[in-house]
Amino acid sequence: MATDHFEATLELIKRGDGKKLPLITSAFEHIFIHTADIHSQILLMNKEYILPEETAKAEVKLFKTLLIEEEDSFILKDNEILIGIGKVKKLLPNLSCEEKMKLSKGKSKAERAKYAEIVAKLEQELNWIRLFINTVNKSNFENLFFW
């Protein structure tokens, strides 16, 4: 069926360039499905972001209409780097003209603010992890275990 809107399951994989970057909801990524390379918006369901090796359900909005069937597989790329794989689970009604215009304009001011908030939250979590690792490395490792 020709559609530009579907639900999918996504799995973020380890990037080929070694970076462990999350996929944040409302991200714009390239989808490669069949022989098509289409720009899309990924809206994660029930999550703000996923990290490499995590799986999530997502709503995918394509910039162009494409012949897709349920259970079709696709890959996600950031520039030329493979970042994830997915499978179409449910075809949704095509986007309206208004939705397509909004999609082509990019993120709204509110969406950009939400995106920045999520990035700040991730950076804070990463700083806590770095602090913990530095503390463990500086302390006597044997004292952490009581045996």
N, C-alpha and C. Protein backbone atom coordinates (compact mmCIF):
# COMPACT_ATOMS: atom_id res chain seq x y z
N MET A 1 0.84 -1.17 0.00
CA MET A 1 0.00 0.00 0.00
C MET A 1 0.90 1.25 0.00
N ALA A 2 0.50 2.27 -0.70
CA ALA A 2 1.27 3.51 -0.74
C ALA A 2 0.96 4.32 0.51
N THR A 3 1.99 4.60 1.29
CA THR A 3 1.81 5.34 2.53
C THR A 3 3.02 6.21 2.84
N ASP A 4 2.82 7.16 3.74
CA ASP A 4 3.92 8.00 4.20
C ASP A 4 3.93 8.05 5.73
N HIS A 5 3.24 7.07 6.37
CA HIS A 5 3.05 7.11 7.81
C HIS A 5 2.86 5.68 8.32
N PHE A 6 3.67 5.24 9.27
CA PHE A 6 3.52 3.88 9.80
C PHE A 6 4.12 3.77 11.19
N GLU A 7 3.72 2.69 11.88
CA GLU A 7 4.33 2.33 13.16
C GLU A 7 5.37 1.26 12.90
N ALA A 8 6.43 1.28 13.69
CA ALA A 8 7.52 0.33 13.49
C ALA A 8 8.18 0.00 14.81
N THR A 9 8.92 -1.09 14.82
CA THR A 9 9.83 -1.36 15.93
C THR A 9 11.23 -1.03 15.43
N LEU A 10 11.99 -0.34 16.27
CA LEU A 10 13.34 0.08 15.91
C LEU A 10 14.33 -0.51 16.89
N GLU A 11 15.50 -0.84 16.39
CA GLU A 11 16.61 -1.23 17.25
C GLU A 11 17.81 -0.39 16.85
N LEU A 12 18.31 0.34 17.80
CA LEU A 12 19.52 1.13 17.57
C LEU A 12 20.71 0.19 17.71
N ILE A 13 21.64 0.26 16.78
CA ILE A 13 22.80 -0.62 16.84
C ILE A 13 24.06 0.19 17.13
N LYS A 14 25.14 -0.51 17.45
CA LYS A 14 26.41 0.17 17.66
C LYS A 14 26.83 0.80 16.34
N ARG A 15 27.19 2.07 16.40
CA ARG A 15 27.58 2.79 15.19
C ARG A 15 28.93 2.31 14.70
N GLY A 16 29.11 2.38 13.41
CA GLY A 16 30.38 2.00 12.80
C GLY A 16 31.52 2.93 13.15
N ASP A 17 31.20 4.17 13.54
CA ASP A 17 32.26 5.13 13.87
C ASP A 17 32.64 5.09 15.35
N GLY A 18 32.03 4.17 16.12
CA GLY A 18 32.39 4.01 17.52
C GLY A 18 31.63 4.91 18.48
N LYS A 19 30.88 5.89 18.00
CA LYS A 19 30.12 6.78 18.87
C LYS A 19 28.90 6.05 19.41
N LYS A 20 28.57 6.32 20.66
CA LYS A 20 27.39 5.72 21.28
C LYS A 20 26.34 6.81 21.50
N LEU A 21 25.78 7.29 20.42
CA LEU A 21 24.82 8.39 20.49
C LEU A 21 23.40 7.85 20.57
N PRO A 22 22.55 8.52 21.35
CA PRO A 22 21.15 8.09 21.43
C PRO A 22 20.35 8.58 20.23
N LEU A 23 19.20 7.97 20.02
CA LEU A 23 18.23 8.46 19.06
C LEU A 23 17.13 9.11 19.88
N ILE A 24 16.95 10.41 19.71
CA ILE A 24 15.99 11.18 20.49
C ILE A 24 14.70 11.31 19.69
N THR A 25 13.58 11.22 20.38
CA THR A 25 12.29 11.31 19.70
C THR A 25 12.19 12.60 18.89
N SER A 26 11.50 12.54 17.83
CA SER A 26 11.30 13.61 16.84
C SER A 26 12.55 13.88 16.00
N ALA A 27 13.50 12.94 16.02
CA ALA A 27 14.70 13.08 15.20
C ALA A 27 14.37 12.91 13.72
N PHE A 28 15.13 13.59 12.88
CA PHE A 28 15.00 13.43 11.43
C PHE A 28 16.14 12.55 10.96
N GLU A 29 15.83 11.42 10.36
CA GLU A 29 16.83 10.46 9.89
C GLU A 29 16.47 9.97 8.49
N HIS A 30 17.44 9.36 7.83
CA HIS A 30 17.21 8.74 6.53
C HIS A 30 16.82 7.29 6.73
N ILE A 31 15.78 6.88 6.02
CA ILE A 31 15.34 5.49 6.04
C ILE A 31 15.64 4.90 4.66
N PHE A 32 16.23 3.72 4.67
CA PHE A 32 16.47 2.97 3.44
C PHE A 32 15.56 1.76 3.47
N ILE A 33 14.57 1.75 2.56
CA ILE A 33 13.62 0.64 2.50
C ILE A 33 13.45 0.26 1.03
N HIS A 34 13.55 -1.01 0.75
CA HIS A 34 13.60 -1.51 -0.61
C HIS A 34 14.78 -0.83 -1.32
N THR A 35 14.52 -0.03 -2.32
CA THR A 35 15.61 0.70 -3.00
C THR A 35 15.51 2.20 -2.77
N ALA A 36 14.63 2.60 -1.86
CA ALA A 36 14.39 4.03 -1.64
C ALA A 36 15.20 4.56 -0.46
N ASP A 37 15.64 5.79 -0.58
CA ASP A 37 16.32 6.54 0.47
C ASP A 37 15.44 7.74 0.77
N ILE A 38 14.75 7.73 1.91
CA ILE A 38 13.75 8.75 2.20
C ILE A 38 14.04 9.41 3.54
N HIS A 39 13.94 10.73 3.55
CA HIS A 39 14.08 11.49 4.79
C HIS A 39 12.80 11.27 5.60
N SER A 40 12.96 11.11 6.93
CA SER A 40 11.80 10.82 7.76
C SER A 40 11.94 11.43 9.15
N GLN A 41 10.83 11.48 9.85
CA GLN A 41 10.84 11.90 11.25
C GLN A 41 10.45 10.68 12.09
N ILE A 42 11.24 10.43 13.14
CA ILE A 42 11.01 9.30 14.03
C ILE A 42 10.45 9.83 15.35
N LEU A 43 9.26 9.37 15.72
CA LEU A 43 8.63 9.76 16.98
C LEU A 43 8.54 8.51 17.86
N LEU A 44 9.38 8.42 18.86
CA LEU A 44 9.38 7.26 19.74
C LEU A 44 8.13 7.24 20.59
N MET A 45 7.62 6.05 20.85
CA MET A 45 6.42 5.89 21.67
C MET A 45 6.85 5.50 23.08
N ASN A 46 6.37 6.23 24.07
CA ASN A 46 6.61 5.94 25.49
C ASN A 46 8.07 6.09 25.92
N LYS A 47 8.90 6.72 25.10
CA LYS A 47 10.30 6.96 25.46
C LYS A 47 10.73 8.29 24.88
N GLU A 48 11.67 8.94 25.57
CA GLU A 48 12.23 10.18 25.04
C GLU A 48 13.41 9.90 24.13
N TYR A 49 14.12 8.79 24.41
CA TYR A 49 15.29 8.44 23.62
C TYR A 49 15.59 6.96 23.78
N ILE A 50 16.36 6.42 22.86
CA ILE A 50 16.90 5.06 23.01
C ILE A 50 18.39 5.11 22.76
N LEU A 51 19.09 4.23 23.44
CA LEU A 51 20.54 4.11 23.32
C LEU A 51 20.87 2.93 22.43
N PRO A 52 22.12 2.84 21.94
CA PRO A 52 22.51 1.67 21.14
C PRO A 52 22.19 0.37 21.87
N GLU A 53 21.72 -0.60 21.12
CA GLU A 53 21.34 -1.93 21.57
C GLU A 53 20.00 -1.95 22.32
N GLU A 54 19.22 -0.85 22.22
CA GLU A 54 17.88 -0.82 22.79
C GLU A 54 16.86 -0.88 21.66
N THR A 55 15.66 -1.33 22.02
CA THR A 55 14.57 -1.44 21.06
C THR A 55 13.40 -0.59 21.52
N ALA A 56 12.67 -0.02 20.58
CA ALA A 56 11.50 0.80 20.92
C ALA A 56 10.50 0.79 19.78
N LYS A 57 9.25 1.07 20.13
CA LYS A 57 8.22 1.29 19.12
C LYS A 57 8.28 2.75 18.71
N ALA A 58 7.97 3.00 17.45
CA ALA A 58 8.03 4.38 16.95
C ALA A 58 6.98 4.61 15.88
N GLU A 59 6.62 5.87 15.75
CA GLU A 59 5.77 6.33 14.65
C GLU A 59 6.72 6.99 13.65
N VAL A 60 6.63 6.60 12.41
CA VAL A 60 7.53 7.11 11.37
C VAL A 60 6.72 7.89 10.36
N LYS A 61 7.17 9.12 10.09
CA LYS A 61 6.54 9.98 9.08
C LYS A 61 7.55 10.18 7.96
N LEU A 62 7.16 9.79 6.75
CA LEU A 62 8.04 9.91 5.59
C LEU A 62 7.77 11.22 4.85
N PHE A 63 8.82 11.76 4.25
CA PHE A 63 8.66 12.98 3.46
C PHE A 63 8.02 12.68 2.10
N LYS A 64 8.05 11.41 1.68
CA LYS A 64 7.44 11.02 0.40
C LYS A 64 6.61 9.76 0.61
N THR A 65 5.61 9.59 -0.24
CA THR A 65 4.79 8.38 -0.20
C THR A 65 5.55 7.24 -0.85
N LEU A 66 5.42 6.06 -0.27
CA LEU A 66 6.18 4.90 -0.74
C LEU A 66 5.32 3.65 -0.62
N LEU A 67 5.52 2.70 -1.52
CA LEU A 67 4.82 1.43 -1.43
C LEU A 67 5.48 0.59 -0.32
N ILE A 68 4.73 0.37 0.74
CA ILE A 68 5.23 -0.35 1.91
C ILE A 68 4.18 -1.35 2.35
N GLU A 69 4.65 -2.48 2.87
CA GLU A 69 3.74 -3.47 3.45
C GLU A 69 4.17 -3.74 4.88
N GLU A 70 3.23 -4.22 5.68
CA GLU A 70 3.58 -4.60 7.04
C GLU A 70 4.64 -5.70 7.00
N GLU A 71 5.54 -5.67 7.97
CA GLU A 71 6.66 -6.60 8.11
C GLU A 71 7.84 -6.30 7.17
N ASP A 72 7.76 -5.22 6.38
CA ASP A 72 8.92 -4.80 5.59
C ASP A 72 10.01 -4.33 6.54
N SER A 73 11.25 -4.64 6.21
CA SER A 73 12.39 -4.21 7.02
C SER A 73 13.02 -2.98 6.39
N PHE A 74 13.68 -2.18 7.24
CA PHE A 74 14.38 -0.99 6.75
C PHE A 74 15.58 -0.72 7.66
N ILE A 75 16.45 0.17 7.19
CA ILE A 75 17.58 0.59 8.02
C ILE A 75 17.55 2.10 8.19
N LEU A 76 18.12 2.56 9.28
CA LEU A 76 18.26 3.99 9.56
C LEU A 76 19.71 4.38 9.40
N LYS A 77 19.93 5.52 8.76
CA LYS A 77 21.29 6.02 8.61
C LYS A 77 21.35 7.48 9.01
N ASP A 78 22.47 7.84 9.64
CA ASP A 78 22.79 9.22 9.97
C ASP A 78 23.95 9.57 9.05
N ASN A 79 23.70 10.41 8.07
CA ASN A 79 24.65 10.63 6.98
C ASN A 79 24.91 9.28 6.32
N GLU A 80 26.11 8.80 6.31
CA GLU A 80 26.39 7.50 5.69
C GLU A 80 26.62 6.40 6.71
N ILE A 81 26.32 6.67 7.98
CA ILE A 81 26.60 5.72 9.05
C ILE A 81 25.33 4.99 9.46
N LEU A 82 25.39 3.66 9.44
CA LEU A 82 24.28 2.83 9.86
C LEU A 82 24.07 2.99 11.36
N ILE A 83 22.85 3.37 11.78
CA ILE A 83 22.59 3.56 13.21
C ILE A 83 21.49 2.65 13.75
N GLY A 84 20.68 2.07 12.87
CA GLY A 84 19.60 1.23 13.38
C GLY A 84 18.90 0.45 12.29
N ILE A 85 18.09 -0.50 12.77
CA ILE A 85 17.27 -1.31 11.87
C ILE A 85 15.84 -1.26 12.38
N GLY A 86 14.89 -1.55 11.51
CA GLY A 86 13.50 -1.52 11.92
C GLY A 86 12.62 -2.40 11.07
N LYS A 87 11.40 -2.58 11.55
CA LYS A 87 10.41 -3.38 10.84
C LYS A 87 9.07 -2.67 10.93
N VAL A 88 8.41 -2.55 9.79
CA VAL A 88 7.08 -1.93 9.73
C VAL A 88 6.08 -2.86 10.42
N LYS A 89 5.34 -2.33 11.40
CA LYS A 89 4.38 -3.14 12.13
C LYS A 89 2.93 -2.82 11.77
N LYS A 90 2.64 -1.55 11.48
CA LYS A 90 1.26 -1.17 11.19
C LYS A 90 1.26 0.05 10.28
N LEU A 91 0.50 -0.03 9.19
CA LEU A 91 0.36 1.12 8.30
C LEU A 91 -0.70 2.06 8.87
N LEU A 92 -0.38 3.33 8.88
CA LEU A 92 -1.29 4.36 9.40
C LEU A 92 -1.84 5.19 8.25
N PRO A 93 -2.93 5.93 8.49
CA PRO A 93 -3.47 6.78 7.42
C PRO A 93 -2.42 7.79 6.95
N ASN A 94 -2.45 8.10 5.66
CA ASN A 94 -1.50 9.07 5.11
C ASN A 94 -1.61 10.41 5.82
N LEU A 95 -0.50 11.14 5.84
CA LEU A 95 -0.47 12.46 6.46
C LEU A 95 -1.34 13.42 5.67
N SER A 96 -2.00 14.33 6.36
CA SER A 96 -2.80 15.35 5.71
C SER A 96 -1.86 16.41 5.11
N CYS A 97 -2.41 17.29 4.30
CA CYS A 97 -1.60 18.38 3.72
C CYS A 97 -0.99 19.24 4.81
N GLU A 98 -1.76 19.52 5.87
CA GLU A 98 -1.24 20.33 6.97
C GLU A 98 -0.08 19.64 7.68
N GLU A 99 -0.23 18.32 7.91
CA GLU A 99 0.83 17.56 8.56
C GLU A 99 2.09 17.52 7.71
N LYS A 100 1.91 17.38 6.39
CA LYS A 100 3.07 17.37 5.48
C LYS A 100 3.79 18.72 5.49
N MET A 101 3.02 19.82 5.53
CA MET A 101 3.63 21.15 5.59
C MET A 101 4.42 21.31 6.89
N LYS A 102 3.83 20.88 8.00
CA LYS A 102 4.51 20.97 9.29
C LYS A 102 5.79 20.13 9.27
N LEU A 103 5.71 18.95 8.70
CA LEU A 103 6.87 18.06 8.62
C LEU A 103 7.98 18.69 7.78
N SER A 104 7.61 19.31 6.67
CA SER A 104 8.62 19.91 5.79
C SER A 104 9.28 21.15 6.41
N LYS A 105 8.58 21.80 7.34
CA LYS A 105 9.15 22.98 8.00
C LYS A 105 10.14 22.61 9.10
N GLY A 106 10.14 21.37 9.53
CA GLY A 106 11.04 20.95 10.60
C GLY A 106 10.38 21.11 11.96
N LYS A 107 11.21 21.08 12.99
CA LYS A 107 10.71 21.15 14.36
C LYS A 107 10.21 22.55 14.71
N SER A 108 9.13 22.57 15.47
CA SER A 108 8.60 23.85 15.96
C SER A 108 9.48 24.33 17.10
N LYS A 109 9.25 25.54 17.55
CA LYS A 109 10.02 26.12 18.66
C LYS A 109 9.86 25.25 19.91
N ALA A 110 8.65 24.79 20.18
CA ALA A 110 8.39 23.95 21.34
C ALA A 110 9.11 22.61 21.22
N GLU A 111 9.11 22.02 20.02
CA GLU A 111 9.81 20.75 19.81
C GLU A 111 11.32 20.92 19.97
N ARG A 112 11.86 22.04 19.48
CA ARG A 112 13.30 22.30 19.66
C ARG A 112 13.64 22.47 21.13
N ALA A 113 12.77 23.13 21.89
CA ALA A 113 13.00 23.31 23.33
C ALA A 113 12.97 21.96 24.05
N LYS A 114 12.01 21.11 23.70
CA LYS A 114 11.90 19.77 24.29
C LYS A 114 13.13 18.94 23.95
N TYR A 115 13.59 19.03 22.70
CA TYR A 115 14.78 18.31 22.25
C TYR A 115 16.00 18.76 23.07
N ALA A 116 16.16 20.07 23.27
CA ALA A 116 17.28 20.61 24.04
C ALA A 116 17.20 20.15 25.50
N GLU A 117 15.99 20.06 26.04
CA GLU A 117 15.80 19.58 27.41
C GLU A 117 16.25 18.12 27.54
N ILE A 118 15.89 17.29 26.57
CA ILE A 118 16.29 15.88 26.60
C ILE A 118 17.81 15.76 26.49
N VAL A 119 18.42 16.53 25.61
CA VAL A 119 19.88 16.50 25.45
C VAL A 119 20.56 16.91 26.76
N ALA A 120 20.05 17.95 27.42
CA ALA A 120 20.63 18.39 28.70
C ALA A 120 20.50 17.29 29.75
N LYS A 121 19.36 16.61 29.77
CA LYS A 121 19.14 15.51 30.71
C LYS A 121 20.14 14.38 30.45
N LEU A 122 20.35 14.04 29.18
CA LEU A 122 21.31 12.99 28.83
C LEU A 122 22.73 13.39 29.24
N GLU A 123 23.09 14.64 29.02
CA GLU A 123 24.42 15.10 29.41
C GLU A 123 24.61 15.02 30.92
N GLN A 124 23.56 15.35 31.70
CA GLN A 124 23.64 15.26 33.15
C GLN A 124 23.83 13.81 33.58
N GLU A 125 23.07 12.88 32.98
CA GLU A 125 23.22 11.46 33.31
C GLU A 125 24.62 10.97 32.97
N LEU A 126 25.14 11.41 31.84
CA LEU A 126 26.49 11.02 31.43
C LEU A 126 27.54 11.55 32.41
N ASN A 127 27.35 12.77 32.90
CA ASN A 127 28.28 13.33 33.88
C ASN A 127 28.28 12.53 35.17
N TRP A 128 27.10 12.06 35.61
CA TRP A 128 27.03 11.21 36.81
C TRP A 128 27.77 9.90 36.59
N ILE A 129 27.63 9.32 35.42
CA ILE A 129 28.33 8.06 35.11
C ILE A 129 29.83 8.29 35.11
N ARG A 130 30.28 9.38 34.49
CA ARG A 130 31.72 9.69 34.48
C ARG A 130 32.25 9.89 35.90
N LEU A 131 31.49 10.58 36.75
CA LEU A 131 31.89 10.81 38.13
C LEU A 131 32.02 9.49 38.87
N PHE A 132 31.05 8.59 38.68
CA PHE A 132 31.10 7.27 39.32
C PHE A 132 32.33 6.49 38.87
N ILE A 133 32.59 6.48 37.57
CA ILE A 133 33.74 5.74 37.04
C ILE A 133 35.04 6.32 37.60
N ASN A 134 35.16 7.63 37.64
CA ASN A 134 36.37 8.25 38.19
C ASN A 134 36.53 7.92 39.67
N THR A 135 35.42 7.88 40.42
CA THR A 135 35.49 7.55 41.84
C THR A 135 35.96 6.12 42.03
N VAL A 136 35.42 5.19 41.25
CA VAL A 136 35.82 3.78 41.35
C VAL A 136 37.29 3.63 40.96
N ASN A 137 37.74 4.31 39.94
CA ASN A 137 39.13 4.19 39.50
C ASN A 137 40.10 4.76 40.53
N LYS A 138 39.71 5.81 41.25
CA LYS A 138 40.60 6.44 42.23
C LYS A 138 40.61 5.71 43.56
N SER A 139 39.54 4.99 43.88
CA SER A 139 39.48 4.29 45.16
C SER A 139 40.16 2.93 45.04
N ASN A 140 40.41 2.34 46.18
CA ASN A 140 40.96 0.99 46.21
C ASN A 140 39.84 0.04 45.84
N PHE A 141 39.92 -0.57 44.69
CA PHE A 141 38.84 -1.38 44.13
C PHE A 141 38.46 -2.52 45.06
N GLU A 142 39.44 -3.11 45.80
CA GLU A 142 39.16 -4.23 46.68
C GLU A 142 38.26 -3.82 47.83
N ASN A 143 38.29 -2.56 48.27
CA ASN A 143 37.46 -2.11 49.37
C ASN A 143 35.98 -1.98 48.99
N LEU A 144 35.68 -2.07 47.72
CA LEU A 144 34.28 -1.99 47.30
C LEU A 144 33.52 -3.29 47.56
N PHE A 145 34.24 -4.38 47.75
CA PHE A 145 33.63 -5.68 47.96
C PHE A 145 33.97 -6.17 49.37
N PHE A 146 33.01 -6.77 50.03
CA PHE A 146 33.21 -7.24 51.39
C PHE A 146 33.29 -8.76 51.39
N TRP A 147 34.46 -9.32 51.18
CA TRP A 147 34.61 -10.76 51.17
C TRP A 147 35.76 -11.14 51.96
